[in-house]
């Protein structure tokens, strides 16, 4: 199970925890990080140019510079086939609905914790 994952999350501790859980779960992923929406869009573009198109983007909603909704729209403009999953505490709100309308395929509620996120990643990357 190999793949490329881009995590767009502004909290450095959260990024590190996500990476630790992914590694502990034995997922063999190349993981790239962005700490705000604008950086996430730029990183996605750079990775595509390097021939390393992310298989999946994990997107937070509340981000500095550019929120997750806008970042998702811009990523989808770059690559209409991009797969974006929201991972947010704002899972059942109008805001998360906007993320889905912007092109995200799924919202993973934060309350499922890292184990829930890992289940979703395993499901996605076994395809």
Protein backbone atom coordinates (compact mmCIF):
# COMPACT_ATOMS: atom_id res chain seq x y z
CA UNK A 1 0.00 0.00 0.00
CA UNK A 2 1.89 3.04 -1.27
CA UNK A 3 0.66 6.51 -1.95
CA UNK A 4 1.20 10.23 -1.67
CA UNK A 5 -0.62 12.19 1.02
CA UNK A 6 -0.74 15.96 1.49
CA UNK A 7 -1.86 17.15 4.93
CA UNK A 8 -3.06 20.75 5.12
CA UNK A 9 -3.30 21.55 8.83
CA UNK A 10 -2.13 24.71 10.59
CA UNK A 11 -1.38 23.13 13.97
CA UNK A 12 2.14 21.71 13.92
CA UNK A 13 1.42 19.33 16.83
CA UNK A 14 -1.62 17.97 14.98
CA UNK A 15 0.47 17.42 11.84
CA UNK A 16 3.08 15.50 13.83
CA UNK A 17 0.48 13.36 15.60
CA UNK A 18 -1.21 12.52 12.31
CA UNK A 19 2.13 11.44 10.84
CA UNK A 20 2.98 9.33 13.90
CA UNK A 21 -0.37 7.53 13.75
CA UNK A 22 0.01 6.92 10.01
CA UNK A 23 3.49 5.45 10.50
CA UNK A 24 2.38 3.39 13.53
CA UNK A 25 -0.49 1.97 11.43
CA UNK A 26 2.08 0.74 8.91
CA UNK A 27 0.77 2.84 6.03
CA UNK A 28 3.57 3.31 3.51
CA UNK A 29 2.82 6.84 2.42
CA UNK A 30 4.93 9.73 1.25
CA UNK A 31 3.58 12.51 3.43
CA UNK A 32 3.85 16.21 2.62
CA UNK A 33 2.74 19.05 4.86
CA UNK A 34 1.28 22.50 4.43
CA UNK A 35 0.41 24.80 7.32
CA UNK A 36 -2.15 27.07 5.70
CA UNK A 37 -4.52 26.94 2.74
CA UNK A 38 -2.36 29.04 0.45
CA UNK A 39 0.67 26.86 1.13
CA UNK A 40 -1.49 23.76 0.57
CA UNK A 41 -2.48 24.93 -2.91
CA UNK A 42 1.13 25.81 -3.74
CA UNK A 43 2.42 22.46 -2.43
CA UNK A 44 -0.20 20.55 -4.45
CA UNK A 45 0.88 22.43 -7.59
CA UNK A 46 4.59 21.78 -6.90
CA UNK A 47 4.02 18.08 -6.27
CA UNK A 48 2.09 17.75 -9.54
CA UNK A 49 4.91 19.48 -11.42
CA UNK A 50 7.37 17.00 -9.85
CA UNK A 51 5.24 14.06 -11.00
CA UNK A 52 4.13 13.34 -7.42
CA UNK A 53 0.42 14.12 -7.62
CA UNK A 54 -1.10 13.56 -4.17
CA UNK A 55 -3.49 10.62 -4.10
CA UNK A 56 -5.29 12.26 -1.20
CA UNK A 57 -5.36 15.63 0.55
CA UNK A 58 -6.41 15.80 4.20
CA UNK A 59 -7.78 19.33 4.62
CA UNK A 60 -8.55 21.22 7.80
CA UNK A 61 -11.30 23.83 7.51
CA UNK A 62 -10.06 26.59 9.76
CA UNK A 63 -6.74 27.74 8.33
CA UNK A 64 -4.82 31.02 8.19
CA UNK A 65 -4.21 32.78 4.86
CA UNK A 66 -6.90 30.80 3.03
CA UNK A 67 -9.50 28.53 4.62
CA UNK A 68 -10.00 24.89 3.67
CA UNK A 69 -13.00 25.66 1.45
CA UNK A 70 -11.07 28.14 -0.71
CA UNK A 71 -7.97 25.93 -0.77
CA UNK A 72 -10.09 22.97 -1.91
CA UNK A 73 -11.64 25.07 -4.71
CA UNK A 74 -8.20 26.14 -5.90
CA UNK A 75 -6.80 22.61 -5.77
CA UNK A 76 -9.80 21.39 -7.79
CA UNK A 77 -9.08 24.16 -10.35
CA UNK A 78 -5.52 22.84 -10.68
CA UNK A 79 -6.66 19.21 -10.81
CA UNK A 80 -10.35 18.43 -11.23
CA UNK A 81 -9.60 14.81 -10.20
CA UNK A 82 -8.02 15.76 -6.86
CA UNK A 83 -9.35 13.82 -3.87
CA UNK A 84 -9.81 15.92 -0.75
CA UNK A 85 -11.07 14.72 2.63
CA UNK A 86 -11.89 17.21 5.34
CA UNK A 87 -10.66 16.31 8.84
CA UNK A 88 -12.29 18.83 11.13
CA UNK A 89 -14.17 19.51 14.33
CA UNK A 90 -16.64 21.48 12.18
CA UNK A 91 -17.92 18.27 10.58
CA UNK A 92 -21.66 18.82 10.86
CA UNK A 93 -21.90 22.50 10.05
CA UNK A 94 -22.75 24.73 7.13
CA UNK A 95 -19.00 25.22 6.77
CA UNK A 96 -18.35 21.52 6.22
CA UNK A 97 -21.19 21.51 3.68
CA UNK A 98 -19.32 24.27 1.83
CA UNK A 99 -16.22 22.09 1.82
CA UNK A 100 -18.20 19.28 0.17
CA UNK A 101 -19.64 21.71 -2.36
CA UNK A 102 -16.11 22.94 -3.08
CA UNK A 103 -15.21 19.39 -4.12
CA UNK A 104 -14.20 17.46 -1.01
CA UNK A 105 -15.28 13.82 -1.26
CA UNK A 106 -15.75 13.22 2.46
CA UNK A 107 -15.66 14.87 5.87
CA UNK A 108 -13.95 12.89 8.63
CA UNK A 109 -15.17 14.25 11.96
CA UNK A 110 -12.36 14.97 14.43
CA UNK A 111 -14.28 13.19 17.17
CA UNK A 112 -13.45 9.83 15.53
CA UNK A 113 -9.89 10.62 16.50
CA UNK A 114 -6.74 9.41 14.83
CA UNK A 115 -7.93 5.80 14.81
CA UNK A 116 -10.96 6.85 12.76
CA UNK A 117 -8.75 8.83 10.41
CA UNK A 118 -6.47 5.80 9.98
CA UNK A 119 -9.48 3.59 9.13
CA UNK A 120 -10.47 6.08 6.42
CA UNK A 121 -6.91 6.19 5.05
CA UNK A 122 -6.64 2.40 4.99
CA UNK A 123 -9.97 2.20 3.17
CA UNK A 124 -8.88 4.84 0.65
CA UNK A 125 -5.39 3.50 -0.06
CA UNK A 126 -6.41 -0.13 -0.49
CA UNK A 127 -8.26 0.84 -3.69
